[in-house]
Amino acid sequence: MPFNYKPLFKLLIDKDMSKEDLRKTISTSSRTITKMNKGEYVALEVLDRICSALRAPIQNVIEHEPAASAEADEPDAGREGKEQAHD
């Protein structure tokens, strides 16, 4: 999955808070925490509750990891090399 929850886990360490503490604070199931540990999808509602409870912006909770193939699909990818070849 192109998203991960590493920023959240770092934030929990900074706040000296366990994942179980978070689970109880946002009133969610242990399955939701397990899904986040595995980098799986969780509902936006859950992310909203996390942001609200921790008073943190979304970028402190989740980050996007673009797939390697997505970089190759970008229109400007490899353009510099082509332009240099024509010089």
C-alpha atoms as a PDB file:
ATOM      1  CA  MET A   1       0.000   0.000   0.000  1.00  0.00           C
ATOM      2  CA  PRO A   2       1.373   3.437  -0.821  1.00  0.00           C
ATOM      3  CA  PHE A   3       0.567   4.821   2.631  1.00  0.00           C
ATOM      4  CA  ASN A   4       2.184   4.104   5.973  1.00  0.00           C
ATOM      5  CA  TYR A   5       1.658   5.182   9.554  1.00  0.00           C
ATOM      6  CA  LYS A   6       5.315   5.690  10.530  1.00  0.00           C
ATOM      7  CA  PRO A   7       4.723   9.352  11.451  1.00  0.00           C
ATOM      8  CA  LEU A   8       1.972   8.289  13.860  1.00  0.00           C
ATOM      9  CA  PHE A   9       4.140   5.666  15.523  1.00  0.00           C
ATOM     10  CA  LYS A  10       6.939   8.226  15.957  1.00  0.00           C
ATOM     11  CA  LEU A  11       4.436  10.708  17.389  1.00  0.00           C
ATOM     12  CA  LEU A  12       3.211   8.124  19.894  1.00  0.00           C
ATOM     13  CA  ILE A  13       6.798   7.589  21.065  1.00  0.00           C
ATOM     14  CA  ASP A  14       7.270  11.351  21.433  1.00  0.00           C
ATOM     15  CA  LYS A  15       4.079  11.556  23.474  1.00  0.00           C
ATOM     16  CA  ASP A  16       5.074   8.510  25.551  1.00  0.00           C
ATOM     17  CA  MET A  17       1.853   6.843  24.469  1.00  0.00           C
ATOM     18  CA  SER A  18       1.321   3.194  23.562  1.00  0.00           C
ATOM     19  CA  LYS A  19      -0.768   1.942  20.680  1.00  0.00           C
ATOM     20  CA  GLU A  20      -3.158   0.533  23.269  1.00  0.00           C
ATOM     21  CA  ASP A  21      -3.465   4.005  24.828  1.00  0.00           C
ATOM     22  CA  LEU A  22      -4.293   5.379  21.385  1.00  0.00           C
ATOM     23  CA  ARG A  23      -6.822   2.620  20.764  1.00  0.00           C
ATOM     24  CA  LYS A  24      -8.650   3.431  23.977  1.00  0.00           C
ATOM     25  CA  THR A  25      -8.434   7.200  23.416  1.00  0.00           C
ATOM     26  CA  ILE A  26     -10.061   7.035  19.989  1.00  0.00           C
ATOM     27  CA  SER A  27     -12.444   4.184  20.898  1.00  0.00           C
ATOM     28  CA  THR A  28     -11.454   1.831  18.123  1.00  0.00           C
ATOM     29  CA  SER A  29     -10.878  -1.896  17.857  1.00  0.00           C
ATOM     30  CA  SER A  30      -7.600  -3.717  18.187  1.00  0.00           C
ATOM     31  CA  ARG A  31      -8.155  -4.854  14.586  1.00  0.00           C
ATOM     32  CA  THR A  32      -7.840  -1.239  13.427  1.00  0.00           C
ATOM     33  CA  ILE A  33      -4.492  -0.883  15.199  1.00  0.00           C
ATOM     34  CA  THR A  34      -3.358  -4.181  13.652  1.00  0.00           C
ATOM     35  CA  LYS A  35      -4.323  -2.901  10.204  1.00  0.00           C
ATOM     36  CA  MET A  36      -2.244   0.226  10.773  1.00  0.00           C
ATOM     37  CA  ASN A  37       0.712  -1.902  11.905  1.00  0.00           C
ATOM     38  CA  LYS A  38       0.448  -3.773   8.605  1.00  0.00           C
ATOM     39  CA  GLY A  39       0.101  -0.563   6.570  1.00  0.00           C
ATOM     40  CA  GLU A  40      -3.434  -1.449   5.536  1.00  0.00           C
ATOM     41  CA  TYR A  41      -6.386   0.830   4.864  1.00  0.00           C
ATOM     42  CA  VAL A  42      -8.230   2.398   7.781  1.00  0.00           C
ATOM     43  CA  ALA A  43     -11.250   4.638   7.442  1.00  0.00           C
ATOM     44  CA  LEU A  44     -10.854   8.395   7.179  1.00  0.00           C
ATOM     45  CA  GLU A  45     -13.086   8.650  10.227  1.00  0.00           C
ATOM     46  CA  VAL A  46     -10.414   6.817  12.241  1.00  0.00           C
ATOM     47  CA  LEU A  47      -7.698   9.129  10.922  1.00  0.00           C
ATOM     48  CA  ASP A  48      -9.864  12.106  11.850  1.00  0.00           C
ATOM     49  CA  ARG A  49     -10.282  10.808  15.403  1.00  0.00           C
ATOM     50  CA  ILE A  50      -6.530  10.275  15.685  1.00  0.00           C
ATOM     51  CA  CYS A  51      -5.753  13.790  14.439  1.00  0.00           C
ATOM     52  CA  SER A  52      -8.318  15.288  16.808  1.00  0.00           C
ATOM     53  CA  ALA A  53      -7.222  13.268  19.840  1.00  0.00           C
ATOM     54  CA  LEU A  54      -3.528  13.965  19.325  1.00  0.00           C
ATOM     55  CA  ARG A  55      -4.092  17.503  18.027  1.00  0.00           C
ATOM     56  CA  ALA A  56      -1.876  16.674  15.089  1.00  0.00           C
ATOM     57  CA  PRO A  57      -2.108  17.446  11.375  1.00  0.00           C
ATOM     58  CA  ILE A  58      -2.649  14.504   9.033  1.00  0.00           C
ATOM     59  CA  GLN A  59       0.986  14.564   7.846  1.00  0.00           C
ATOM     60  CA  ASN A  60       1.996  13.683  11.437  1.00  0.00           C
ATOM     61  CA  VAL A  61      -0.180  10.574  11.213  1.00  0.00           C
ATOM     62  CA  ILE A  62       0.189   9.128   7.724  1.00  0.00           C
ATOM     63  CA  GLU A  63       2.572   9.507   4.798  1.00  0.00           C
ATOM     64  CA  HIS A  64       2.427   8.594   1.137  1.00  0.00           C
ATOM     65  CA  GLU A  65       5.094   6.432  -0.466  1.00  0.00           C
ATOM     66  CA  PRO A  66       4.813   6.669  -4.242  1.00  0.00           C
ATOM     67  CA  ALA A  67       5.292   3.398  -6.050  1.00  0.00           C
ATOM     68  CA  ALA A  68       8.469   3.112  -8.123  1.00  0.00           C
ATOM     69  CA  SER A  69       6.406   2.583 -11.283  1.00  0.00           C
ATOM     70  CA  ALA A  70       4.472   5.819 -10.618  1.00  0.00           C
ATOM     71  CA  GLU A  71       7.694   7.820 -10.945  1.00  0.00           C
ATOM     72  CA  ALA A  72       8.332   6.295 -14.365  1.00  0.00           C
ATOM     73  CA  ASP A  73       4.794   7.235 -15.440  1.00  0.00           C
ATOM     74  CA  GLU A  74       5.341  10.940 -14.747  1.00  0.00           C
ATOM     75  CA  PRO A  75       5.378  12.994 -17.969  1.00  0.00           C
ATOM     76  CA  ASP A  76       8.661  14.735 -17.114  1.00  0.00           C
ATOM     77  CA  ALA A  77      10.452  11.555 -16.011  1.00  0.00           C
ATOM     78  CA  GLY A  78      13.662  11.110 -17.965  1.00  0.00           C
ATOM     79  CA  ARG A  79      13.148  14.356 -19.837  1.00  0.00           C
ATOM     80  CA  GLU A  80      16.486  15.832 -18.803  1.00  0.00           C
ATOM     81  CA  GLY A  81      18.369  12.961 -20.386  1.00  0.00           C
ATOM     82  CA  LYS A  82      16.485  13.365 -23.646  1.00  0.00           C
ATOM     83  CA  GLU A  83      17.094  17.113 -23.757  1.00  0.00           C
ATOM     84  CA  GLN A  84      20.810  16.630 -23.158  1.00  0.00           C
ATOM     85  CA  ALA A  85      21.009  14.098 -25.972  1.00  0.00           C
ATOM     86  CA  HIS A  86      19.819  16.731 -28.444  1.00  0.00           C
ATOM     87  CA  ASP A  87      22.444  19.296 -27.403  1.00  0.00           C
END
